[in-house]
All heavy atoms as atom14 arrays in JSON, in Angstrom:
{
  "sequence": "SLRFMRPVRSGVRIHARMQLKSAERTDNGTRISYEIAMHVVGQRL",
  "atom14_mask": [
    [1, 1, 1, 1, 1, 1, 0, 0, 0, 0, 0, 0, 0, 0],
    [1, 1, 1, 1, 1, 1, 1, 1, 0, 0, 0, 0, 0, 0],
    [1, 1, 1, 1, 1, 1, 1, 1, 1, 1, 1, 0, 0, 0],
    [1, 1, 1, 1, 1, 1, 1, 1, 1, 1, 1, 0, 0, 0],
    [1, 1, 1, 1, 1, 1, 1, 1, 0, 0, 0, 0, 0, 0],
    [1, 1, 1, 1, 1, 1, 1, 1, 1, 1, 1, 0, 0, 0],
    [1, 1, 1, 1, 1, 1, 1, 0, 0, 0, 0, 0, 0, 0],
    [1, 1, 1, 1, 1, 1, 1, 0, 0, 0, 0, 0, 0, 0],
    [1, 1, 1, 1, 1, 1, 1, 1, 1, 1, 1, 0, 0, 0],
    [1, 1, 1, 1, 1, 1, 0, 0, 0, 0, 0, 0, 0, 0],
    [1, 1, 1, 1, 0, 0, 0, 0, 0, 0, 0, 0, 0, 0],
    [1, 1, 1, 1, 1, 1, 1, 0, 0, 0, 0, 0, 0, 0],
    [1, 1, 1, 1, 1, 1, 1, 1, 1, 1, 1, 0, 0, 0],
    [1, 1, 1, 1, 1, 1, 1, 1, 0, 0, 0, 0, 0, 0],
    [1, 1, 1, 1, 1, 1, 1, 1, 1, 1, 0, 0, 0, 0],
    [1, 1, 1, 1, 1, 0, 0, 0, 0, 0, 0, 0, 0, 0],
    [1, 1, 1, 1, 1, 1, 1, 1, 1, 1, 1, 0, 0, 0],
    [1, 1, 1, 1, 1, 1, 1, 1, 0, 0, 0, 0, 0, 0],
    [1, 1, 1, 1, 1, 1, 1, 1, 1, 0, 0, 0, 0, 0],
    [1, 1, 1, 1, 1, 1, 1, 1, 0, 0, 0, 0, 0, 0],
    [1, 1, 1, 1, 1, 1, 1, 1, 1, 0, 0, 0, 0, 0],
    [1, 1, 1, 1, 1, 1, 0, 0, 0, 0, 0, 0, 0, 0],
    [1, 1, 1, 1, 1, 0, 0, 0, 0, 0, 0, 0, 0, 0],
    [1, 1, 1, 1, 1, 1, 1, 1, 1, 0, 0, 0, 0, 0],
    [1, 1, 1, 1, 1, 1, 1, 1, 1, 1, 1, 0, 0, 0],
    [1, 1, 1, 1, 1, 1, 1, 0, 0, 0, 0, 0, 0, 0],
    [1, 1, 1, 1, 1, 1, 1, 1, 0, 0, 0, 0, 0, 0],
    [1, 1, 1, 1, 1, 1, 1, 1, 0, 0, 0, 0, 0, 0],
    [1, 1, 1, 1, 0, 0, 0, 0, 0, 0, 0, 0, 0, 0],
    [1, 1, 1, 1, 1, 1, 1, 0, 0, 0, 0, 0, 0, 0],
    [1, 1, 1, 1, 1, 1, 1, 1, 1, 1, 1, 0, 0, 0],
    [1, 1, 1, 1, 1, 1, 1, 1, 0, 0, 0, 0, 0, 0],
    [1, 1, 1, 1, 1, 1, 0, 0, 0, 0, 0, 0, 0, 0],
    [1, 1, 1, 1, 1, 1, 1, 1, 1, 1, 1, 1, 0, 0],
    [1, 1, 1, 1, 1, 1, 1, 1, 1, 0, 0, 0, 0, 0],
    [1, 1, 1, 1, 1, 1, 1, 1, 0, 0, 0, 0, 0, 0],
    [1, 1, 1, 1, 1, 0, 0, 0, 0, 0, 0, 0, 0, 0],
    [1, 1, 1, 1, 1, 1, 1, 1, 0, 0, 0, 0, 0, 0],
    [1, 1, 1, 1, 1, 1, 1, 1, 1, 1, 0, 0, 0, 0],
    [1, 1, 1, 1, 1, 1, 1, 0, 0, 0, 0, 0, 0, 0],
    [1, 1, 1, 1, 1, 1, 1, 0, 0, 0, 0, 0, 0, 0],
    [1, 1, 1, 1, 0, 0, 0, 0, 0, 0, 0, 0, 0, 0],
    [1, 1, 1, 1, 1, 1, 1, 1, 1, 0, 0, 0, 0, 0],
    [1, 1, 1, 1, 1, 1, 1, 1, 1, 1, 1, 0, 0, 0],
    [1, 1, 1, 1, 1, 1, 1, 1, 0, 0, 0, 0, 0, 0]
  ],
  "atom14_positions": [
    [[0.91, -1.15, -0.03], [-0.04, -0.05, -0.06], [0.86, 1.22, -0.1], [2.06, 1.19, 0.39], [-0.93, 0.0, 1.21], [-0.2, 0.1, 2.4], [0.0, 0.0, 0.0], [0.0, 0.0, 0.0], [0.0, 0.0, 0.0], [0.0, 0.0, 0.0], [0.0, 0.0, 0.0], [0.0, 0.0, 0.0], [0.0, 0.0, 0.0], [0.0, 0.0, 0.0]],
    [[0.27, 2.33, -0.43], [0.89, 3.6, -0.46], [-0.09, 4.64, -0.1], [-1.13, 4.76, -0.87], [1.6, 4.0, -1.78], [2.07, 5.3, -1.97], [3.21, 5.6, -1.06], [2.62, 5.43, -3.51], [0.0, 0.0, 0.0], [0.0, 0.0, 0.0], [0.0, 0.0, 0.0], [0.0, 0.0, 0.0], [0.0, 0.0, 0.0], [0.0, 0.0, 0.0]],
    [[0.04, 5.47, 0.87], [-0.88, 6.5, 1.26], [-0.09, 7.87, 1.48], [0.86, 7.86, 2.16], [-1.57, 6.11, 2.54], [-2.51, 4.92, 2.3], [-3.21, 4.5, 3.56], [-4.05, 5.66, 3.94], [-4.42, 5.76, 5.27], [-4.12, 4.89, 6.17], [-5.21, 6.73, 5.68], [0.0, 0.0, 0.0], [0.0, 0.0, 0.0], [0.0, 0.0, 0.0]],
    [[-0.67, 8.84, 0.79], [-0.14, 10.17, 1.07], [-1.14, 10.85, 2.03], [-2.24, 11.21, 1.68], [-0.15, 10.97, -0.32], [0.78, 10.38, -1.31], [0.21, 9.76, -2.39], [2.14, 10.29, -1.1], [0.97, 9.1, -3.42], [2.93, 9.65, -2.1], [2.37, 9.17, -3.16], [0.0, 0.0, 0.0], [0.0, 0.0, 0.0], [0.0, 0.0, 0.0]],
    [[-0.72, 10.96, 3.23], [-1.68, 11.26, 4.42], [-1.73, 12.75, 4.75], [-2.8, 13.18, 5.19], [-1.34, 10.38, 5.63], [-1.4, 8.93, 5.2], [-0.76, 7.86, 6.52], [-2.09, 8.07, 7.71], [0.0, 0.0, 0.0], [0.0, 0.0, 0.0], [0.0, 0.0, 0.0], [0.0, 0.0, 0.0], [0.0, 0.0, 0.0], [0.0, 0.0, 0.0]],
    [[-0.6, 13.4, 4.53], [-0.65, 14.88, 4.95], [0.24, 15.6, 3.89], [1.2, 15.08, 3.35], [-0.02, 15.01, 6.27], [-1.07, 14.68, 7.44], [-0.43, 14.51, 8.67], [-1.52, 13.95, 9.6], [-1.83, 12.71, 9.55], [-1.37, 11.79, 8.65], [-2.78, 12.19, 10.36], [0.0, 0.0, 0.0], [0.0, 0.0, 0.0], [0.0, 0.0, 0.0]],
    [[-0.05, 16.87, 3.68], [0.72, 17.67, 2.68], [2.18, 17.87, 3.28], [2.4, 18.01, 4.48], [0.03, 19.01, 2.56], [-0.79, 19.07, 3.74], [-1.21, 17.74, 4.29], [0.0, 0.0, 0.0], [0.0, 0.0, 0.0], [0.0, 0.0, 0.0], [0.0, 0.0, 0.0], [0.0, 0.0, 0.0], [0.0, 0.0, 0.0], [0.0, 0.0, 0.0]],
    [[3.11, 18.05, 2.39], [4.57, 18.34, 2.64], [4.73, 19.7, 1.99], [4.94, 19.73, 0.81], [5.54, 17.22, 2.23], [6.87, 17.74, 2.54], [5.18, 15.97, 2.94], [0.0, 0.0, 0.0], [0.0, 0.0, 0.0], [0.0, 0.0, 0.0], [0.0, 0.0, 0.0], [0.0, 0.0, 0.0], [0.0, 0.0, 0.0], [0.0, 0.0, 0.0]],
    [[4.7, 20.72, 2.78], [4.78, 22.1, 2.26], [6.25, 22.39, 1.83], [7.18, 21.8, 2.47], [4.47, 23.05, 3.25], [2.85, 23.18, 3.55], [2.46, 23.95, 4.7], [1.03, 24.12, 4.76], [0.12, 23.22, 5.29], [0.65, 22.1, 5.75], [-1.15, 23.55, 5.25], [0.0, 0.0, 0.0], [0.0, 0.0, 0.0], [0.0, 0.0, 0.0]],
    [[6.41, 23.17, 0.87], [7.79, 23.51, 0.35], [8.6, 24.11, 1.49], [8.16, 24.78, 2.3], [7.71, 24.55, -0.8], [6.91, 24.0, -1.87], [0.0, 0.0, 0.0], [0.0, 0.0, 0.0], [0.0, 0.0, 0.0], [0.0, 0.0, 0.0], [0.0, 0.0, 0.0], [0.0, 0.0, 0.0], [0.0, 0.0, 0.0], [0.0, 0.0, 0.0]],
    [[9.88, 23.72, 1.47], [10.83, 24.23, 2.47], [10.94, 23.59, 3.72], [11.87, 23.89, 4.59], [0.0, 0.0, 0.0], [0.0, 0.0, 0.0], [0.0, 0.0, 0.0], [0.0, 0.0, 0.0], [0.0, 0.0, 0.0], [0.0, 0.0, 0.0], [0.0, 0.0, 0.0], [0.0, 0.0, 0.0], [0.0, 0.0, 0.0], [0.0, 0.0, 0.0]],
    [[10.17, 22.51, 4.03], [10.19, 21.79, 5.21], [11.31, 20.73, 5.21], [11.67, 20.27, 4.08], [8.88, 21.17, 5.74], [7.83, 22.31, 5.96], [8.44, 20.12, 4.83], [0.0, 0.0, 0.0], [0.0, 0.0, 0.0], [0.0, 0.0, 0.0], [0.0, 0.0, 0.0], [0.0, 0.0, 0.0], [0.0, 0.0, 0.0], [0.0, 0.0, 0.0]],
    [[11.75, 20.26, 6.33], [12.65, 19.01, 6.38], [11.9, 17.81, 6.63], [10.8, 17.85, 7.34], [13.7, 19.3, 7.47], [14.62, 20.46, 7.21], [15.65, 20.69, 8.26], [16.5, 19.5, 8.29], [17.01, 19.03, 9.32], [16.92, 19.54, 10.48], [17.84, 17.93, 9.3], [0.0, 0.0, 0.0], [0.0, 0.0, 0.0], [0.0, 0.0, 0.0]],
    [[12.31, 16.7, 6.05], [11.68, 15.42, 6.11], [12.67, 14.37, 6.73], [13.83, 14.51, 6.47], [11.02, 14.91, 4.86], [12.02, 14.84, 3.77], [9.81, 15.8, 4.51], [11.56, 14.29, 2.45], [0.0, 0.0, 0.0], [0.0, 0.0, 0.0], [0.0, 0.0, 0.0], [0.0, 0.0, 0.0], [0.0, 0.0, 0.0], [0.0, 0.0, 0.0]],
    [[12.1, 13.41, 7.19], [12.81, 12.12, 7.68], [11.95, 10.92, 7.66], [10.78, 11.09, 7.37], [13.54, 12.27, 9.05], [12.64, 12.34, 10.2], [12.2, 11.2, 10.89], [11.74, 13.31, 10.67], [11.28, 11.57, 11.77], [11.03, 12.85, 11.57], [0.0, 0.0, 0.0], [0.0, 0.0, 0.0], [0.0, 0.0, 0.0], [0.0, 0.0, 0.0]],
    [[12.54, 9.84, 7.67], [11.69, 8.56, 7.51], [12.21, 7.49, 8.42], [13.37, 7.48, 8.85], [11.72, 8.09, 6.06], [0.0, 0.0, 0.0], [0.0, 0.0, 0.0], [0.0, 0.0, 0.0], [0.0, 0.0, 0.0], [0.0, 0.0, 0.0], [0.0, 0.0, 0.0], [0.0, 0.0, 0.0], [0.0, 0.0, 0.0], [0.0, 0.0, 0.0]],
    [[11.34, 6.6, 8.8], [11.66, 5.45, 9.59], [11.29, 4.17, 8.91], [10.11, 4.25, 8.24], [10.97, 5.53, 10.97], [11.41, 6.64, 11.79], [10.78, 6.65, 13.16], [11.13, 7.77, 13.96], [10.42, 8.81, 14.17], [9.12, 8.81, 13.9], [10.79, 9.82, 14.91], [0.0, 0.0, 0.0], [0.0, 0.0, 0.0], [0.0, 0.0, 0.0]],
    [[11.98, 3.09, 9.02], [11.62, 1.85, 8.43], [11.4, 0.76, 9.49], [12.24, 0.67, 10.41], [12.66, 1.38, 7.48], [12.48, 0.09, 6.69], [13.88, -0.47, 5.75], [13.94, 0.77, 4.45], [0.0, 0.0, 0.0], [0.0, 0.0, 0.0], [0.0, 0.0, 0.0], [0.0, 0.0, 0.0], [0.0, 0.0, 0.0], [0.0, 0.0, 0.0]],
    [[10.37, 0.02, 9.35], [10.11, -1.14, 10.25], [9.79, -2.3, 9.46], [9.19, -2.38, 8.52], [8.87, -0.72, 11.08], [8.5, -1.82, 12.12], [7.23, -1.36, 12.85], [6.47, -0.33, 12.5], [6.94, -2.07, 13.87], [0.0, 0.0, 0.0], [0.0, 0.0, 0.0], [0.0, 0.0, 0.0], [0.0, 0.0, 0.0], [0.0, 0.0, 0.0]],
    [[10.4, -3.44, 9.97], [10.21, -4.75, 9.36], [8.77, -5.31, 9.63], [8.41, -5.24, 10.88], [11.23, -5.79, 9.82], [10.99, -7.15, 9.31], [11.27, -7.28, 7.8], [12.0, -8.08, 10.01], [0.0, 0.0, 0.0], [0.0, 0.0, 0.0], [0.0, 0.0, 0.0], [0.0, 0.0, 0.0], [0.0, 0.0, 0.0], [0.0, 0.0, 0.0]],
    [[7.95, -5.54, 8.72], [6.57, -5.99, 8.97], [6.47, -7.56, 8.88], [5.81, -8.22, 9.68], [5.55, -5.31, 8.02], [5.44, -3.95, 8.11], [5.21, -3.37, 9.5], [3.7, -3.55, 9.78], [3.36, -2.93, 11.15], [0.0, 0.0, 0.0], [0.0, 0.0, 0.0], [0.0, 0.0, 0.0], [0.0, 0.0, 0.0], [0.0, 0.0, 0.0]],
    [[7.16, -8.12, 7.84], [7.09, -9.62, 7.71], [8.31, -10.06, 6.89], [8.82, -9.35, 6.02], [5.77, -10.03, 7.15], [5.66, -9.61, 5.8], [0.0, 0.0, 0.0], [0.0, 0.0, 0.0], [0.0, 0.0, 0.0], [0.0, 0.0, 0.0], [0.0, 0.0, 0.0], [0.0, 0.0, 0.0], [0.0, 0.0, 0.0], [0.0, 0.0, 0.0]],
    [[8.54, -11.34, 7.06], [9.57, -12.11, 6.22], [8.94, -13.52, 5.91], [8.57, -14.14, 6.8], [10.85, -12.24, 6.84], [0.0, 0.0, 0.0], [0.0, 0.0, 0.0], [0.0, 0.0, 0.0], [0.0, 0.0, 0.0], [0.0, 0.0, 0.0], [0.0, 0.0, 0.0], [0.0, 0.0, 0.0], [0.0, 0.0, 0.0], [0.0, 0.0, 0.0]],
    [[8.88, -13.81, 4.66], [8.21, -15.08, 4.34], [9.08, -15.86, 3.24], [9.41, -15.21, 2.17], [6.92, -14.79, 3.73], [6.15, -15.95, 3.21], [4.84, -15.66, 2.57], [4.44, -14.36, 2.54], [4.13, -16.49, 2.07], [0.0, 0.0, 0.0], [0.0, 0.0, 0.0], [0.0, 0.0, 0.0], [0.0, 0.0, 0.0], [0.0, 0.0, 0.0]],
    [[9.34, -16.99, 3.57], [10.18, -17.77, 2.57], [9.23, -18.25, 1.44], [8.03, -18.62, 1.57], [10.68, -19.11, 3.33], [11.61, -19.82, 2.46], [12.93, -19.16, 2.61], [14.06, -20.11, 2.05], [14.9, -19.64, 1.2], [14.98, -18.34, 0.85], [15.78, -20.46, 0.81], [0.0, 0.0, 0.0], [0.0, 0.0, 0.0], [0.0, 0.0, 0.0]],
    [[9.7, -18.08, 0.21], [8.94, -18.45, -0.98], [9.85, -19.38, -1.85], [10.91, -19.64, -1.59], [8.44, -17.23, -1.82], [9.63, -16.69, -2.43], [7.7, -16.18, -0.93], [0.0, 0.0, 0.0], [0.0, 0.0, 0.0], [0.0, 0.0, 0.0], [0.0, 0.0, 0.0], [0.0, 0.0, 0.0], [0.0, 0.0, 0.0], [0.0, 0.0, 0.0]],
    [[9.21, -19.91, -2.9], [10.06, -20.76, -3.94], [11.08, -19.89, -4.6], [12.14, -20.46, -4.98], [9.12, -21.35, -4.93], [8.11, -22.42, -4.38], [8.45, -22.89, -3.26], [7.03, -22.64, -4.98], [0.0, 0.0, 0.0], [0.0, 0.0, 0.0], [0.0, 0.0, 0.0], [0.0, 0.0, 0.0], [0.0, 0.0, 0.0], [0.0, 0.0, 0.0]],
    [[10.88, -18.63, -4.71], [11.81, -17.7, -5.37], [12.86, -17.12, -4.45], [13.85, -16.37, -4.88], [11.11, -16.62, -6.16], [10.23, -17.17, -7.17], [10.53, -18.26, -7.76], [9.08, -16.53, -7.42], [0.0, 0.0, 0.0], [0.0, 0.0, 0.0], [0.0, 0.0, 0.0], [0.0, 0.0, 0.0], [0.0, 0.0, 0.0], [0.0, 0.0, 0.0]],
    [[12.7, -17.13, -3.15], [13.62, -16.56, -2.21], [12.87, -16.11, -0.96], [11.96, -16.8, -0.51], [0.0, 0.0, 0.0], [0.0, 0.0, 0.0], [0.0, 0.0, 0.0], [0.0, 0.0, 0.0], [0.0, 0.0, 0.0], [0.0, 0.0, 0.0], [0.0, 0.0, 0.0], [0.0, 0.0, 0.0], [0.0, 0.0, 0.0], [0.0, 0.0, 0.0]],
    [[13.22, -15.01, -0.36], [12.47, -14.54, 0.82], [11.87, -13.2, 0.56], [12.53, -12.26, 0.12], [13.49, -14.35, 2.06], [14.15, -15.67, 2.24], [12.79, -13.95, 3.24], [0.0, 0.0, 0.0], [0.0, 0.0, 0.0], [0.0, 0.0, 0.0], [0.0, 0.0, 0.0], [0.0, 0.0, 0.0], [0.0, 0.0, 0.0], [0.0, 0.0, 0.0]],
    [[10.61, -13.16, 0.78], [9.81, -11.89, 0.58], [9.79, -11.15, 1.82], [9.32, -11.69, 2.88], [8.43, -12.22, -0.05], [7.7, -11.0, -0.44], [6.4, -11.23, -1.05], [5.39, -11.28, -0.06], [4.08, -11.22, -0.2], [3.57, -11.1, -1.38], [3.35, -11.2, 0.82], [0.0, 0.0, 0.0], [0.0, 0.0, 0.0], [0.0, 0.0, 0.0]],
    [[10.2, -9.94, 1.84], [10.23, -9.01, 2.94], [9.34, -7.88, 2.73], [9.18, -7.29, 1.66], [11.7, -8.36, 3.2], [12.7, -9.59, 3.16], [11.72, -7.49, 4.38], [12.72, -10.41, 4.4], [0.0, 0.0, 0.0], [0.0, 0.0, 0.0], [0.0, 0.0, 0.0], [0.0, 0.0, 0.0], [0.0, 0.0, 0.0], [0.0, 0.0, 0.0]],
    [[8.56, -7.55, 3.83], [7.65, -6.36, 3.8], [8.16, -5.35, 4.82], [8.36, -5.72, 6.03], [6.17, -6.84, 4.13], [5.33, -5.7, 4.28], [0.0, 0.0, 0.0], [0.0, 0.0, 0.0], [0.0, 0.0, 0.0], [0.0, 0.0, 0.0], [0.0, 0.0, 0.0], [0.0, 0.0, 0.0], [0.0, 0.0, 0.0], [0.0, 0.0, 0.0]],
    [[8.38, -4.18, 4.32], [8.75, -3.08, 5.28], [7.66, -2.01, 5.33], [7.07, -1.72, 4.25], [10.04, -2.34, 4.82], [11.25, -3.18, 4.86], [11.85, -3.68, 3.56], [11.99, -3.53, 6.03], [13.03, -4.56, 3.63], [13.07, -4.2, 6.07], [13.72, -4.65, 4.94], [14.81, -5.49, 4.94], [0.0, 0.0, 0.0], [0.0, 0.0, 0.0]],
    [[7.49, -1.36, 6.38], [6.68, -0.12, 6.49], [7.63, 1.07, 6.65], [8.42, 1.09, 7.51], [5.76, -0.16, 7.63], [4.94, 1.11, 7.83], [4.05, 1.11, 9.04], [4.55, 1.5, 10.09], [2.96, 0.64, 8.91], [0.0, 0.0, 0.0], [0.0, 0.0, 0.0], [0.0, 0.0, 0.0], [0.0, 0.0, 0.0], [0.0, 0.0, 0.0]],
    [[7.5, 1.97, 5.65], [8.34, 3.17, 5.74], [7.4, 4.36, 5.95], [6.34, 4.52, 5.27], [8.98, 3.45, 4.4], [9.99, 2.28, 4.14], [9.76, 4.76, 4.45], [10.67, 2.34, 2.8], [0.0, 0.0, 0.0], [0.0, 0.0, 0.0], [0.0, 0.0, 0.0], [0.0, 0.0, 0.0], [0.0, 0.0, 0.0], [0.0, 0.0, 0.0]],
    [[7.59, 5.01, 7.07], [6.82, 6.25, 7.46], [7.66, 7.45, 7.36], [8.64, 7.66, 7.96], [6.34, 6.15, 8.91], [0.0, 0.0, 0.0], [0.0, 0.0, 0.0], [0.0, 0.0, 0.0], [0.0, 0.0, 0.0], [0.0, 0.0, 0.0], [0.0, 0.0, 0.0], [0.0, 0.0, 0.0], [0.0, 0.0, 0.0], [0.0, 0.0, 0.0]],
    [[7.26, 8.35, 6.38], [7.98, 9.66, 6.14], [7.23, 10.74, 6.92], [5.95, 10.81, 6.69], [8.02, 9.95, 4.59], [8.78, 11.12, 4.22], [8.82, 11.5, 2.47], [9.78, 10.2, 1.86], [0.0, 0.0, 0.0], [0.0, 0.0, 0.0], [0.0, 0.0, 0.0], [0.0, 0.0, 0.0], [0.0, 0.0, 0.0], [0.0, 0.0, 0.0]],
    [[8.02, 11.5, 7.55], [7.45, 12.56, 8.42], [8.02, 13.86, 8.09], [9.18, 14.02, 7.71], [7.76, 12.4, 9.94], [7.13, 11.16, 10.54], [5.99, 11.19, 11.38], [7.36, 9.82, 10.27], [5.71, 10.04, 11.72], [6.52, 9.14, 11.15], [0.0, 0.0, 0.0], [0.0, 0.0, 0.0], [0.0, 0.0, 0.0], [0.0, 0.0, 0.0]],
    [[7.34, 14.94, 8.2], [7.84, 16.33, 8.32], [8.43, 16.47, 9.69], [7.8, 16.11, 10.78], [6.76, 17.37, 8.15], [7.27, 18.81, 8.37], [6.14, 17.25, 6.68], [0.0, 0.0, 0.0], [0.0, 0.0, 0.0], [0.0, 0.0, 0.0], [0.0, 0.0, 0.0], [0.0, 0.0, 0.0], [0.0, 0.0, 0.0], [0.0, 0.0, 0.0]],
    [[9.72, 16.93, 9.72], [10.38, 17.04, 10.99], [9.56, 17.9, 11.97], [9.09, 18.95, 11.54], [11.79, 17.68, 10.81], [12.43, 18.0, 12.15], [12.71, 16.69, 10.01], [0.0, 0.0, 0.0], [0.0, 0.0, 0.0], [0.0, 0.0, 0.0], [0.0, 0.0, 0.0], [0.0, 0.0, 0.0], [0.0, 0.0, 0.0], [0.0, 0.0, 0.0]],
    [[9.3, 17.38, 13.15], [8.5, 18.1, 14.19], [7.14, 17.67, 14.15], [6.41, 18.06, 15.1], [0.0, 0.0, 0.0], [0.0, 0.0, 0.0], [0.0, 0.0, 0.0], [0.0, 0.0, 0.0], [0.0, 0.0, 0.0], [0.0, 0.0, 0.0], [0.0, 0.0, 0.0], [0.0, 0.0, 0.0], [0.0, 0.0, 0.0], [0.0, 0.0, 0.0]],
    [[6.59, 16.93, 13.19], [5.24, 16.44, 13.21], [5.14, 14.95, 13.6], [5.98, 14.15, 13.18], [4.55, 16.65, 11.83], [4.43, 18.03, 11.48], [3.58, 18.25, 10.17], [3.17, 17.21, 9.54], [3.4, 19.48, 9.8], [0.0, 0.0, 0.0], [0.0, 0.0, 0.0], [0.0, 0.0, 0.0], [0.0, 0.0, 0.0], [0.0, 0.0, 0.0]],
    [[4.19, 14.66, 14.47], [4.14, 13.33, 15.03], [3.51, 12.32, 13.99], [4.0, 11.26, 13.83], [3.19, 13.33, 16.3], [3.1, 11.94, 16.99], [2.24, 12.07, 18.22], [0.87, 12.39, 17.91], [-0.08, 11.62, 17.53], [0.18, 10.24, 17.4], [-1.29, 11.93, 17.28], [0.0, 0.0, 0.0], [0.0, 0.0, 0.0], [0.0, 0.0, 0.0]],
    [[2.58, 12.7, 13.19], [1.89, 11.84, 12.31], [2.57, 11.88, 10.89], [3.07, 12.91, 10.5], [0.45, 12.31, 12.12], [-0.47, 12.19, 13.42], [-1.82, 12.7, 13.24], [-0.43, 10.68, 13.9], [0.0, 0.0, 0.0], [0.0, 0.0, 0.0], [0.0, 0.0, 0.0], [0.0, 0.0, 0.0], [0.0, 0.0, 0.0], [0.0, 0.0, 0.0]]
  ]
}
């Protein structure tokens, strides 16, 4: 999934965090799911 949840106004600083959601062995290898949350610096959500 991909959601644009809040506007990012010009000139602000951003940062992101990554969290491992799942790892599943498949016939082709290992499928990994990460959640990446990008924030405007200073905003909680």
